[in-house]
Amino acid sequence: MKENTVCDVSGCNEIAVKSLPREKVENMFSLKTKSSHVHLCREHYKEYKKKTKKERDVERATWVK
């Protein structure tokens, strides 16, 4: 990710730290862009992690055989 990439959430101008697939994020935030990957700042990434914790735990549980 480029150094000066800005968060893609509407109204946010913070520097992005993570990039995620659009389909995982578009239901949680209103976005400024239509690209396939969304850049999130530290605060929005933390919010994303909190909102999807249960989904990610279930997904990880399927990895174990």
N, C-alpha and C. Protein backbone atom coordinates (compact mmCIF):
# COMPACT_ATOMS: atom_id res chain seq x y z
N MET A 1 0.85 -1.17 0.00
CA MET A 1 0.00 0.00 0.00
C MET A 1 0.90 1.23 0.00
N LYS A 2 0.49 2.22 -0.74
CA LYS A 2 1.28 3.45 -0.81
C LYS A 2 1.24 4.18 0.51
N GLU A 3 2.25 4.97 0.75
CA GLU A 3 2.40 5.67 2.01
C GLU A 3 1.28 6.68 2.29
N ASN A 4 0.78 7.37 1.27
CA ASN A 4 -0.21 8.43 1.47
C ASN A 4 -1.62 8.00 1.11
N THR A 5 -1.94 6.72 1.14
CA THR A 5 -3.27 6.25 0.83
C THR A 5 -4.23 6.68 1.94
N VAL A 6 -5.38 7.18 1.54
CA VAL A 6 -6.36 7.70 2.49
C VAL A 6 -7.47 6.67 2.68
N CYS A 7 -8.05 6.64 3.87
CA CYS A 7 -9.16 5.75 4.20
C CYS A 7 -10.32 5.98 3.23
N ASP A 8 -10.97 4.90 2.78
CA ASP A 8 -12.05 4.99 1.80
C ASP A 8 -13.43 5.17 2.43
N VAL A 9 -13.53 5.28 3.74
CA VAL A 9 -14.82 5.51 4.39
C VAL A 9 -15.20 6.98 4.22
N SER A 10 -16.45 7.22 3.86
CA SER A 10 -16.91 8.60 3.63
C SER A 10 -16.71 9.46 4.88
N GLY A 11 -16.14 10.63 4.68
CA GLY A 11 -15.93 11.57 5.78
C GLY A 11 -14.64 11.37 6.54
N CYS A 12 -13.86 10.36 6.21
CA CYS A 12 -12.60 10.09 6.91
C CYS A 12 -11.43 10.46 6.01
N ASN A 13 -10.45 11.16 6.57
CA ASN A 13 -9.27 11.56 5.81
C ASN A 13 -7.98 11.07 6.46
N GLU A 14 -8.07 10.03 7.28
CA GLU A 14 -6.90 9.47 7.94
C GLU A 14 -6.11 8.59 6.96
N ILE A 15 -4.86 8.33 7.29
CA ILE A 15 -4.00 7.47 6.48
C ILE A 15 -4.45 6.02 6.65
N ALA A 16 -4.58 5.30 5.55
CA ALA A 16 -5.02 3.90 5.57
C ALA A 16 -3.88 2.99 6.02
N VAL A 17 -4.23 1.95 6.78
CA VAL A 17 -3.24 0.99 7.25
C VAL A 17 -3.53 -0.43 6.75
N LYS A 18 -4.77 -0.71 6.33
CA LYS A 18 -5.15 -2.04 5.86
C LYS A 18 -6.00 -1.94 4.60
N SER A 19 -5.94 -2.97 3.80
CA SER A 19 -6.76 -3.08 2.60
C SER A 19 -7.54 -4.38 2.67
N LEU A 20 -8.85 -4.31 2.45
CA LEU A 20 -9.71 -5.49 2.54
C LEU A 20 -10.59 -5.58 1.30
N PRO A 21 -11.08 -6.79 0.98
CA PRO A 21 -12.01 -6.92 -0.14
C PRO A 21 -13.29 -6.13 0.11
N ARG A 22 -13.80 -5.48 -0.92
CA ARG A 22 -14.96 -4.61 -0.79
C ARG A 22 -16.18 -5.34 -0.22
N GLU A 23 -16.44 -6.58 -0.65
CA GLU A 23 -17.65 -7.28 -0.22
C GLU A 23 -17.69 -7.54 1.29
N LYS A 24 -16.54 -7.57 1.95
CA LYS A 24 -16.51 -7.76 3.40
C LYS A 24 -16.80 -6.48 4.17
N VAL A 25 -16.59 -5.33 3.54
CA VAL A 25 -16.66 -4.05 4.25
C VAL A 25 -17.88 -3.22 3.86
N GLU A 26 -18.41 -3.38 2.66
CA GLU A 26 -19.41 -2.45 2.14
C GLU A 26 -20.71 -2.41 2.93
N ASN A 27 -21.04 -3.44 3.69
CA ASN A 27 -22.27 -3.43 4.50
C ASN A 27 -22.11 -2.66 5.80
N MET A 28 -20.89 -2.39 6.22
CA MET A 28 -20.63 -1.73 7.50
C MET A 28 -20.43 -0.22 7.39
N PHE A 29 -19.82 0.21 6.30
CA PHE A 29 -19.46 1.62 6.14
C PHE A 29 -19.97 2.15 4.81
N SER A 30 -20.23 3.46 4.76
CA SER A 30 -20.50 4.08 3.46
C SER A 30 -19.14 4.46 2.87
N LEU A 31 -18.92 4.07 1.64
CA LEU A 31 -17.60 4.20 1.02
C LEU A 31 -17.60 5.27 -0.06
N LYS A 32 -16.42 5.89 -0.27
CA LYS A 32 -16.27 6.92 -1.28
C LYS A 32 -15.87 6.36 -2.63
N THR A 33 -15.47 5.13 -2.70
CA THR A 33 -14.93 4.56 -3.93
C THR A 33 -15.69 3.31 -4.34
N LYS A 34 -15.55 2.91 -5.59
CA LYS A 34 -16.20 1.71 -6.12
C LYS A 34 -15.19 0.62 -6.45
N SER A 35 -13.96 0.74 -5.97
CA SER A 35 -12.91 -0.24 -6.29
C SER A 35 -13.18 -1.58 -5.61
N SER A 36 -12.47 -2.61 -6.03
CA SER A 36 -12.68 -3.96 -5.51
C SER A 36 -12.07 -4.15 -4.12
N HIS A 37 -11.07 -3.34 -3.77
CA HIS A 37 -10.48 -3.38 -2.44
C HIS A 37 -10.66 -2.03 -1.76
N VAL A 38 -10.87 -2.07 -0.46
CA VAL A 38 -11.14 -0.86 0.31
C VAL A 38 -9.99 -0.64 1.29
N HIS A 39 -9.52 0.59 1.39
CA HIS A 39 -8.47 0.94 2.34
C HIS A 39 -9.10 1.49 3.60
N LEU A 40 -8.66 1.00 4.76
CA LEU A 40 -9.21 1.45 6.04
C LEU A 40 -8.11 2.01 6.93
N CYS A 41 -8.45 3.06 7.67
CA CYS A 41 -7.53 3.62 8.66
C CYS A 41 -7.55 2.74 9.90
N ARG A 42 -6.72 3.05 10.86
CA ARG A 42 -6.61 2.25 12.08
C ARG A 42 -7.95 2.16 12.82
N GLU A 43 -8.66 3.27 12.99
CA GLU A 43 -9.93 3.28 13.73
C GLU A 43 -11.02 2.48 13.03
N HIS A 44 -11.15 2.65 11.73
CA HIS A 44 -12.18 1.90 11.00
C HIS A 44 -11.83 0.41 10.92
N TYR A 45 -10.53 0.08 10.87
CA TYR A 45 -10.15 -1.33 10.87
C TYR A 45 -10.48 -1.97 12.22
N LYS A 46 -10.26 -1.24 13.32
CA LYS A 46 -10.62 -1.76 14.65
C LYS A 46 -12.13 -2.00 14.73
N GLU A 47 -12.90 -1.06 14.21
CA GLU A 47 -14.36 -1.20 14.21
C GLU A 47 -14.78 -2.40 13.37
N TYR A 48 -14.15 -2.59 12.22
CA TYR A 48 -14.43 -3.74 11.37
C TYR A 48 -14.15 -5.04 12.13
N LYS A 49 -13.01 -5.10 12.81
CA LYS A 49 -12.65 -6.32 13.55
C LYS A 49 -13.66 -6.61 14.65
N LYS A 50 -14.12 -5.59 15.36
CA LYS A 50 -15.10 -5.79 16.43
C LYS A 50 -16.43 -6.30 15.87
N LYS A 51 -16.88 -5.73 14.76
CA LYS A 51 -18.17 -6.11 14.18
C LYS A 51 -18.15 -7.50 13.55
N THR A 52 -17.00 -7.99 13.13
CA THR A 52 -16.94 -9.28 12.44
C THR A 52 -16.26 -10.37 13.27
N LYS A 53 -16.06 -10.15 14.54
CA LYS A 53 -15.35 -11.11 15.39
C LYS A 53 -15.99 -12.50 15.35
N LYS A 54 -17.29 -12.59 15.54
CA LYS A 54 -17.96 -13.89 15.57
C LYS A 54 -17.85 -14.60 14.22
N GLU A 55 -18.03 -13.86 13.14
CA GLU A 55 -17.91 -14.45 11.80
C GLU A 55 -16.52 -15.01 11.58
N ARG A 56 -15.52 -14.26 11.98
CA ARG A 56 -14.14 -14.70 11.77
C ARG A 56 -13.81 -15.90 12.65
N ASP A 57 -14.36 -15.95 13.88
CA ASP A 57 -14.14 -17.10 14.75
C ASP A 57 -14.74 -18.37 14.15
N VAL A 58 -15.94 -18.27 13.60
CA VAL A 58 -16.59 -19.42 12.96
C VAL A 58 -15.78 -19.86 11.75
N GLU A 59 -15.33 -18.91 10.96
CA GLU A 59 -14.54 -19.23 9.78
C GLU A 59 -13.24 -19.93 10.16
N ARG A 60 -12.59 -19.45 11.22
CA ARG A 60 -11.34 -20.07 11.68
C ARG A 60 -11.58 -21.47 12.22
N ALA A 61 -12.73 -21.71 12.84
CA ALA A 61 -13.02 -23.03 13.41
C ALA A 61 -13.12 -24.09 12.32
N THR A 62 -13.48 -23.70 11.11
CA THR A 62 -13.58 -24.67 10.02
C THR A 62 -12.22 -25.09 9.49
N TRP A 63 -11.19 -24.36 9.84
CA TRP A 63 -9.84 -24.71 9.38
C TRP A 63 -9.30 -25.94 10.10
N VAL A 64 -9.73 -26.16 11.35
CA VAL A 64 -9.21 -27.25 12.17
C VAL A 64 -9.89 -28.55 11.76
N LYS A 65 -9.09 -29.58 11.59
CA LYS A 65 -9.67 -30.88 11.18
C LYS A 65 -9.73 -31.83 12.33
